[in-house]
């Protein structure tokens, strides 16, 4: 068949077939699902996106070696901490990484991860960068977190495919990373409402979160924090 025939057949098969859906207990790999209308459902999952800020300017104005080292150290840091806090890395997209958390304490795990990412960027990465690069560049980032019902499905072509994550949290967590990097962590009200004191309060008992109306998304209630949490 021609390419056009393949595409038309795929559209007819996909739009014309019923979905097979099962509840998930673990985060699946792409090989766990069929390329047909097959999905794994999570009643609630928390999505974390960690994104470098102003990466376009970084690659346009700095040496490629410097940009590469910033990309590598930031993505390593975020990925290592996602795993450390019980999440699973499900995709890399240029200068950002997406993690999913599905445990009973998923919202608190994701927020703890974000606070430690903030600490690592401002302390470990900045310190390492300043030792080897003598200019005034900064590493800035944004983490977005949301929680909702999520389904995973397999997409792509045979021999070159991956999972797609279908649910409002996957979309909104990504959109939150477009907000100001002056506040490194952004979460929805759905996440905030599930936080326990260690993820909600600072060392003096103060609330570390500031409430906003998200004008780009129907004035939805969201929260930001500049707080970080040290770790070794």
C-alpha atoms as a PDB file:
ATOM      1  CA  UNK A   1       0.000   0.000   0.000  1.00  0.00           C
ATOM      2  CA  UNK A   2       1.017   3.614  -0.517  1.00  0.00           C
ATOM      3  CA  UNK A   3       1.676   6.013   2.357  1.00  0.00           C
ATOM      4  CA  UNK A   4      -1.707   7.635   1.692  1.00  0.00           C
ATOM      5  CA  UNK A   5      -3.416   4.244   1.875  1.00  0.00           C
ATOM      6  CA  UNK A   6      -1.656   3.474   5.167  1.00  0.00           C
ATOM      7  CA  UNK A   7      -2.779   6.777   6.699  1.00  0.00           C
ATOM      8  CA  UNK A   8      -6.382   6.362   5.539  1.00  0.00           C
ATOM      9  CA  UNK A   9      -6.496   2.798   6.873  1.00  0.00           C
ATOM     10  CA  UNK A  10      -5.078   3.898  10.233  1.00  0.00           C
ATOM     11  CA  UNK A  11      -7.702   6.644  10.541  1.00  0.00           C
ATOM     12  CA  UNK A  12     -10.513   4.234   9.643  1.00  0.00           C
ATOM     13  CA  UNK A  13      -9.270   1.576  12.068  1.00  0.00           C
ATOM     14  CA  UNK A  14      -8.628   3.984  14.930  1.00  0.00           C
ATOM     15  CA  UNK A  15     -11.849   5.971  14.703  1.00  0.00           C
ATOM     16  CA  UNK A  16     -13.883   2.839  14.001  1.00  0.00           C
ATOM     17  CA  UNK A  17     -12.642   0.547  16.790  1.00  0.00           C
ATOM     18  CA  UNK A  18     -13.742   0.218  20.407  1.00  0.00           C
ATOM     19  CA  UNK A  19     -11.213   0.842  23.136  1.00  0.00           C
ATOM     20  CA  UNK A  20      -9.896  -1.895  25.372  1.00  0.00           C
ATOM     21  CA  UNK A  21      -9.220  -0.293  28.776  1.00  0.00           C
ATOM     22  CA  UNK A  22      -7.837  -1.845  31.957  1.00  0.00           C
ATOM     23  CA  UNK A  23      -6.963  -0.324  35.308  1.00  0.00           C
ATOM     24  CA  UNK A  24      -3.253   0.075  35.946  1.00  0.00           C
ATOM     25  CA  UNK A  25      -1.314  -0.923  39.058  1.00  0.00           C
ATOM     26  CA  UNK A  26       2.107   0.048  37.692  1.00  0.00           C
ATOM     27  CA  UNK A  27       3.216   2.589  35.093  1.00  0.00           C
ATOM     28  CA  UNK A  28       3.341   0.687  31.788  1.00  0.00           C
ATOM     29  CA  UNK A  29       6.028   0.588  29.142  1.00  0.00           C
ATOM     30  CA  UNK A  30       5.094   1.058  25.502  1.00  0.00           C
ATOM     31  CA  UNK A  31       5.510  -2.677  24.905  1.00  0.00           C
ATOM     32  CA  UNK A  32       2.752  -3.383  27.456  1.00  0.00           C
ATOM     33  CA  UNK A  33       0.100  -1.924  25.155  1.00  0.00           C
ATOM     34  CA  UNK A  34      -1.008  -2.644  21.615  1.00  0.00           C
ATOM     35  CA  UNK A  35      -0.869  -0.066  18.836  1.00  0.00           C
ATOM     36  CA  UNK A  36      -4.618  -0.571  18.443  1.00  0.00           C
ATOM     37  CA  UNK A  37      -7.124   1.235  20.697  1.00  0.00           C
ATOM     38  CA  UNK A  38      -5.679  -0.158  23.906  1.00  0.00           C
ATOM     39  CA  UNK A  39      -5.288   1.878  27.112  1.00  0.00           C
ATOM     40  CA  UNK A  40      -4.271   1.620  30.756  1.00  0.00           C
ATOM     41  CA  UNK A  41      -6.301   3.783  33.152  1.00  0.00           C
ATOM     42  CA  UNK A  42      -5.244   5.368  36.429  1.00  0.00           C
ATOM     43  CA  UNK A  43      -8.075   6.750  38.542  1.00  0.00           C
ATOM     44  CA  UNK A  44      -5.642   9.397  39.760  1.00  0.00           C
ATOM     45  CA  UNK A  45      -2.085  10.161  38.729  1.00  0.00           C
ATOM     46  CA  UNK A  46       0.128  13.174  39.311  1.00  0.00           C
ATOM     47  CA  UNK A  47       2.175  14.570  36.450  1.00  0.00           C
ATOM     48  CA  UNK A  48       5.341  16.612  36.936  1.00  0.00           C
ATOM     49  CA  UNK A  49       7.003  18.568  34.143  1.00  0.00           C
ATOM     50  CA  UNK A  50      10.445  20.059  34.768  1.00  0.00           C
ATOM     51  CA  UNK A  51      11.431  22.582  32.108  1.00  0.00           C
ATOM     52  CA  UNK A  52      14.458  24.795  31.510  1.00  0.00           C
ATOM     53  CA  UNK A  53      13.547  28.469  31.215  1.00  0.00           C
ATOM     54  CA  UNK A  54      14.633  30.531  28.179  1.00  0.00           C
ATOM     55  CA  UNK A  55      16.472  27.637  26.569  1.00  0.00           C
ATOM     56  CA  UNK A  56      16.021  29.194  23.116  1.00  0.00           C
ATOM     57  CA  UNK A  57      18.072  32.221  24.180  1.00  0.00           C
ATOM     58  CA  UNK A  58      20.578  29.877  25.774  1.00  0.00           C
ATOM     59  CA  UNK A  59      21.341  28.013  22.553  1.00  0.00           C
ATOM     60  CA  UNK A  60      21.169  31.187  20.462  1.00  0.00           C
ATOM     61  CA  UNK A  61      23.576  33.291  22.524  1.00  0.00           C
ATOM     62  CA  UNK A  62      25.965  30.900  24.287  1.00  0.00           C
ATOM     63  CA  UNK A  63      28.506  28.325  23.195  1.00  0.00           C
ATOM     64  CA  UNK A  64      26.925  25.027  22.277  1.00  0.00           C
ATOM     65  CA  UNK A  65      29.126  23.262  24.820  1.00  0.00           C
ATOM     66  CA  UNK A  66      27.727  25.420  27.616  1.00  0.00           C
ATOM     67  CA  UNK A  67      24.141  24.894  26.454  1.00  0.00           C
ATOM     68  CA  UNK A  68      24.768  21.166  26.232  1.00  0.00           C
ATOM     69  CA  UNK A  69      26.143  21.020  29.753  1.00  0.00           C
ATOM     70  CA  UNK A  70      23.171  22.971  31.116  1.00  0.00           C
ATOM     71  CA  UNK A  71      20.745  20.622  29.342  1.00  0.00           C
ATOM     72  CA  UNK A  72      22.571  17.535  30.551  1.00  0.00           C
ATOM     73  CA  UNK A  73      22.935  18.549  34.198  1.00  0.00           C
ATOM     74  CA  UNK A  74      19.379  19.868  34.503  1.00  0.00           C
ATOM     75  CA  UNK A  75      17.742  16.834  32.930  1.00  0.00           C
ATOM     76  CA  UNK A  76      19.932  14.489  34.987  1.00  0.00           C
ATOM     77  CA  UNK A  77      19.003  16.345  38.187  1.00  0.00           C
ATOM     78  CA  UNK A  78      15.265  16.347  37.521  1.00  0.00           C
ATOM     79  CA  UNK A  79      15.255  12.739  36.368  1.00  0.00           C
ATOM     80  CA  UNK A  80      17.294  11.479  39.299  1.00  0.00           C
ATOM     81  CA  UNK A  81      14.983  13.214  41.768  1.00  0.00           C
ATOM     82  CA  UNK A  82      11.808  11.997  40.043  1.00  0.00           C
ATOM     83  CA  UNK A  83      13.021   8.444  40.558  1.00  0.00           C
ATOM     84  CA  UNK A  84      14.195   9.190  44.094  1.00  0.00           C
ATOM     85  CA  UNK A  85      10.678  10.284  45.041  1.00  0.00           C
ATOM     86  CA  UNK A  86       8.910   7.248  43.603  1.00  0.00           C
ATOM     87  CA  UNK A  87       8.001   8.631  40.194  1.00  0.00           C
ATOM     88  CA  UNK A  88       8.674   7.179  36.772  1.00  0.00           C
ATOM     89  CA  UNK A  89      10.160   9.112  33.859  1.00  0.00           C
ATOM     90  CA  UNK A  90       7.859   8.752  30.878  1.00  0.00           C
ATOM     91  CA  UNK A  91       9.263  11.204  28.333  1.00  0.00           C
ATOM     92  CA  UNK A  92      11.977  13.684  27.454  1.00  0.00           C
ATOM     93  CA  UNK A  93      11.115  16.563  25.155  1.00  0.00           C
ATOM     94  CA  UNK A  94      14.102  18.723  24.295  1.00  0.00           C
ATOM     95  CA  UNK A  95      14.805  20.713  27.446  1.00  0.00           C
ATOM     96  CA  UNK A  96      12.196  19.120  29.699  1.00  0.00           C
ATOM     97  CA  UNK A  97      11.295  15.847  31.346  1.00  0.00           C
ATOM     98  CA  UNK A  98       7.919  14.421  32.327  1.00  0.00           C
ATOM     99  CA  UNK A  99       7.420  12.202  35.351  1.00  0.00           C
ATOM    100  CA  UNK A 100       4.353  10.377  36.656  1.00  0.00           C
ATOM    101  CA  UNK A 101       3.509   9.468  40.255  1.00  0.00           C
ATOM    102  CA  UNK A 102       0.773   6.947  41.081  1.00  0.00           C
ATOM    103  CA  UNK A 103       1.180   6.034  44.775  1.00  0.00           C
ATOM    104  CA  UNK A 104      -1.276   7.012  47.526  1.00  0.00           C
ATOM    105  CA  UNK A 105       1.040   9.926  48.427  1.00  0.00           C
ATOM    106  CA  UNK A 106       1.668  10.931  44.812  1.00  0.00           C
ATOM    107  CA  UNK A 107       0.973  14.663  45.202  1.00  0.00           C
ATOM    108  CA  UNK A 108       3.305  14.995  48.161  1.00  0.00           C
ATOM    109  CA  UNK A 109       5.999  12.959  46.403  1.00  0.00           C
ATOM    110  CA  UNK A 110       5.804  15.152  43.305  1.00  0.00           C
ATOM    111  CA  UNK A 111       5.941  18.402  45.284  1.00  0.00           C
ATOM    112  CA  UNK A 112       8.855  17.153  47.400  1.00  0.00           C
ATOM    113  CA  UNK A 113      10.626  16.344  44.153  1.00  0.00           C
ATOM    114  CA  UNK A 114       9.985  19.864  42.813  1.00  0.00           C
ATOM    115  CA  UNK A 115      11.301  21.551  45.965  1.00  0.00           C
ATOM    116  CA  UNK A 116      14.485  19.480  45.807  1.00  0.00           C
ATOM    117  CA  UNK A 117      14.926  20.220  42.094  1.00  0.00           C
ATOM    118  CA  UNK A 118      14.798  23.911  43.013  1.00  0.00           C
ATOM    119  CA  UNK A 119      17.446  23.416  45.690  1.00  0.00           C
ATOM    120  CA  UNK A 120      19.709  21.408  43.381  1.00  0.00           C
ATOM    121  CA  UNK A 121      19.515  23.939  40.549  1.00  0.00           C
ATOM    122  CA  UNK A 122      20.282  26.898  42.798  1.00  0.00           C
ATOM    123  CA  UNK A 123      23.058  25.191  44.744  1.00  0.00           C
ATOM    124  CA  UNK A 124      24.645  22.142  43.107  1.00  0.00           C
ATOM    125  CA  UNK A 125      24.211  23.088  39.427  1.00  0.00           C
ATOM    126  CA  UNK A 126      24.963  26.787  39.872  1.00  0.00           C
ATOM    127  CA  UNK A 127      28.077  25.989  41.896  1.00  0.00           C
ATOM    128  CA  UNK A 128      29.317  23.508  39.318  1.00  0.00           C
ATOM    129  CA  UNK A 129      28.645  25.905  36.450  1.00  0.00           C
ATOM    130  CA  UNK A 130      30.468  28.842  38.068  1.00  0.00           C
ATOM    131  CA  UNK A 131      33.606  26.762  38.544  1.00  0.00           C
ATOM    132  CA  UNK A 132      33.995  26.181  34.811  1.00  0.00           C
ATOM    133  CA  UNK A 133      32.219  29.054  33.032  1.00  0.00           C
ATOM    134  CA  UNK A 134      33.162  32.659  33.755  1.00  0.00           C
ATOM    135  CA  UNK A 135      30.083  34.586  32.700  1.00  0.00           C
ATOM    136  CA  UNK A 136      26.892  35.804  34.331  1.00  0.00           C
ATOM    137  CA  UNK A 137      24.494  33.207  32.951  1.00  0.00           C
ATOM    138  CA  UNK A 138      22.001  31.610  35.310  1.00  0.00           C
ATOM    139  CA  UNK A 139      20.217  28.283  35.149  1.00  0.00           C
ATOM    140  CA  UNK A 140      16.502  28.979  35.525  1.00  0.00           C
ATOM    141  CA  UNK A 141      13.729  26.430  35.465  1.00  0.00           C
ATOM    142  CA  UNK A 142      10.023  25.883  36.093  1.00  0.00           C
ATOM    143  CA  UNK A 143       8.261  22.794  37.442  1.00  0.00           C
ATOM    144  CA  UNK A 144       4.530  22.322  36.810  1.00  0.00           C
ATOM    145  CA  UNK A 145       2.435  19.727  38.643  1.00  0.00           C
ATOM    146  CA  UNK A 146      -1.196  18.637  38.256  1.00  0.00           C
ATOM    147  CA  UNK A 147      -3.240  15.573  39.157  1.00  0.00           C
ATOM    148  CA  UNK A 148      -6.226  13.915  37.472  1.00  0.00           C
ATOM    149  CA  UNK A 149      -7.510  10.711  35.962  1.00  0.00           C
ATOM    150  CA  UNK A 150      -4.975   9.596  33.339  1.00  0.00           C
ATOM    151  CA  UNK A 151      -4.918   7.018  30.568  1.00  0.00           C
ATOM    152  CA  UNK A 152      -1.868   5.755  28.723  1.00  0.00           C
ATOM    153  CA  UNK A 153      -2.084   4.642  25.096  1.00  0.00           C
ATOM    154  CA  UNK A 154       0.517   3.599  22.555  1.00  0.00           C
ATOM    155  CA  UNK A 155       1.041   5.751  19.483  1.00  0.00           C
ATOM    156  CA  UNK A 156       3.369   5.946  16.511  1.00  0.00           C
ATOM    157  CA  UNK A 157       4.351   3.453  13.820  1.00  0.00           C
ATOM    158  CA  UNK A 158       5.710  -0.057  14.103  1.00  0.00           C
ATOM    159  CA  UNK A 159       9.339   0.067  15.121  1.00  0.00           C
ATOM    160  CA  UNK A 160       9.090   3.698  16.285  1.00  0.00           C
ATOM    161  CA  UNK A 161       6.414   4.327  18.919  1.00  0.00           C
ATOM    162  CA  UNK A 162       5.863   5.439  22.483  1.00  0.00           C
ATOM    163  CA  UNK A 163       3.139   6.150  25.032  1.00  0.00           C
ATOM    164  CA  UNK A 164       0.861   9.159  24.996  1.00  0.00           C
ATOM    165  CA  UNK A 165      -0.692  10.300  28.283  1.00  0.00           C
ATOM    166  CA  UNK A 166      -4.339  11.329  27.991  1.00  0.00           C
ATOM    167  CA  UNK A 167      -5.770  13.447  30.788  1.00  0.00           C
ATOM    168  CA  UNK A 168      -6.037  17.037  31.936  1.00  0.00           C
ATOM    169  CA  UNK A 169      -3.041  16.742  34.291  1.00  0.00           C
ATOM    170  CA  UNK A 170      -0.664  15.912  31.456  1.00  0.00           C
ATOM    171  CA  UNK A 171      -1.737  19.022  29.559  1.00  0.00           C
ATOM    172  CA  UNK A 172      -1.928  21.470  32.450  1.00  0.00           C
ATOM    173  CA  UNK A 173       1.317  20.413  34.123  1.00  0.00           C
ATOM    174  CA  UNK A 174       3.052  21.189  30.828  1.00  0.00           C
ATOM    175  CA  UNK A 175       1.247  24.529  30.460  1.00  0.00           C
ATOM    176  CA  UNK A 176       2.225  25.576  33.985  1.00  0.00           C
ATOM    177  CA  UNK A 177       5.875  25.526  32.940  1.00  0.00           C
ATOM    178  CA  UNK A 178       5.208  28.530  30.692  1.00  0.00           C
ATOM    179  CA  UNK A 179       4.599  30.690  33.777  1.00  0.00           C
ATOM    180  CA  UNK A 180       7.220  32.852  35.477  1.00  0.00           C
ATOM    181  CA  UNK A 181      10.477  31.158  36.448  1.00  0.00           C
ATOM    182  CA  UNK A 182      10.735  33.680  39.286  1.00  0.00           C
ATOM    183  CA  UNK A 183       8.510  31.167  41.070  1.00  0.00           C
ATOM    184  CA  UNK A 184      10.134  27.863  40.292  1.00  0.00           C
ATOM    185  CA  UNK A 185       7.246  25.579  41.302  1.00  0.00           C
ATOM    186  CA  UNK A 186       3.651  25.872  40.078  1.00  0.00           C
ATOM    187  CA  UNK A 187       0.817  23.546  41.111  1.00  0.00           C
ATOM    188  CA  UNK A 188      -2.934  23.365  40.612  1.00  0.00           C
ATOM    189  CA  UNK A 189      -5.486  23.550  43.442  1.00  0.00           C
ATOM    190  CA  UNK A 190      -6.036  19.812  42.991  1.00  0.00           C
ATOM    191  CA  UNK A 191      -2.432  19.250  43.999  1.00  0.00           C
ATOM    192  CA  UNK A 192      -2.433  21.863  46.766  1.00  0.00           C
ATOM    193  CA  UNK A 193      -5.522  20.379  48.402  1.00  0.00           C
ATOM    194  CA  UNK A 194      -3.733  17.060  48.815  1.00  0.00           C
ATOM    195  CA  UNK A 195      -0.561  18.378  50.432  1.00  0.00           C
ATOM    196  CA  UNK A 196       0.474  17.533  53.958  1.00  0.00           C
ATOM    197  CA  UNK A 197       2.287  20.011  56.205  1.00  0.00           C
ATOM    198  CA  UNK A 198       5.851  18.987  55.187  1.00  0.00           C
ATOM    199  CA  UNK A 199       5.028  20.001  51.595  1.00  0.00           C
ATOM    200  CA  UNK A 200       2.864  22.982  52.537  1.00  0.00           C
ATOM    201  CA  UNK A 201       4.736  24.684  55.390  1.00  0.00           C
ATOM    202  CA  UNK A 202       8.232  26.139  55.721  1.00  0.00           C
ATOM    203  CA  UNK A 203      10.729  25.757  58.559  1.00  0.00           C
ATOM    204  CA  UNK A 204       8.979  28.431  60.651  1.00  0.00           C
ATOM    205  CA  UNK A 205       5.498  27.052  60.063  1.00  0.00           C
ATOM    206  CA  UNK A 206       4.713  29.546  57.305  1.00  0.00           C
ATOM    207  CA  UNK A 207       2.707  28.608  54.218  1.00  0.00           C
ATOM    208  CA  UNK A 208       5.215  28.439  51.363  1.00  0.00           C
ATOM    209  CA  UNK A 209       2.549  28.776  48.643  1.00  0.00           C
ATOM    210  CA  UNK A 210       1.041  31.885  47.045  1.00  0.00           C
ATOM    211  CA  UNK A 211      -2.406  31.672  45.458  1.00  0.00           C
ATOM    212  CA  UNK A 212      -3.073  33.061  41.979  1.00  0.00           C
ATOM    213  CA  UNK A 213      -5.832  33.205  39.382  1.00  0.00           C
ATOM    214  CA  UNK A 214      -4.573  31.608  36.181  1.00  0.00           C
ATOM    215  CA  UNK A 215      -5.794  34.107  33.622  1.00  0.00           C
ATOM    216  CA  UNK A 216      -4.686  31.930  30.699  1.00  0.00           C
ATOM    217  CA  UNK A 217      -6.912  29.104  31.928  1.00  0.00           C
ATOM    218  CA  UNK A 218     -10.337  30.427  32.955  1.00  0.00           C
ATOM    219  CA  UNK A 219      -8.994  32.049  36.141  1.00  0.00           C
ATOM    220  CA  UNK A 220      -8.394  28.614  37.644  1.00  0.00           C
ATOM    221  CA  UNK A 221      -6.884  28.684  41.139  1.00  0.00           C
ATOM    222  CA  UNK A 222      -3.187  27.780  41.115  1.00  0.00           C
ATOM    223  CA  UNK A 223      -0.298  28.121  43.534  1.00  0.00           C
ATOM    224  CA  UNK A 224       3.378  29.025  43.207  1.00  0.00           C
ATOM    225  CA  UNK A 225       6.383  28.733  45.493  1.00  0.00           C
ATOM    226  CA  UNK A 226       9.961  29.942  45.525  1.00  0.00           C
ATOM    227  CA  UNK A 227      10.773  27.571  48.372  1.00  0.00           C
ATOM    228  CA  UNK A 228      13.403  24.863  48.192  1.00  0.00           C
ATOM    229  CA  UNK A 229      14.251  21.913  50.372  1.00  0.00           C
ATOM    230  CA  UNK A 230      17.837  20.869  51.008  1.00  0.00           C
ATOM    231  CA  UNK A 231      18.964  17.266  50.585  1.00  0.00           C
ATOM    232  CA  UNK A 232      22.240  15.385  50.530  1.00  0.00           C
END
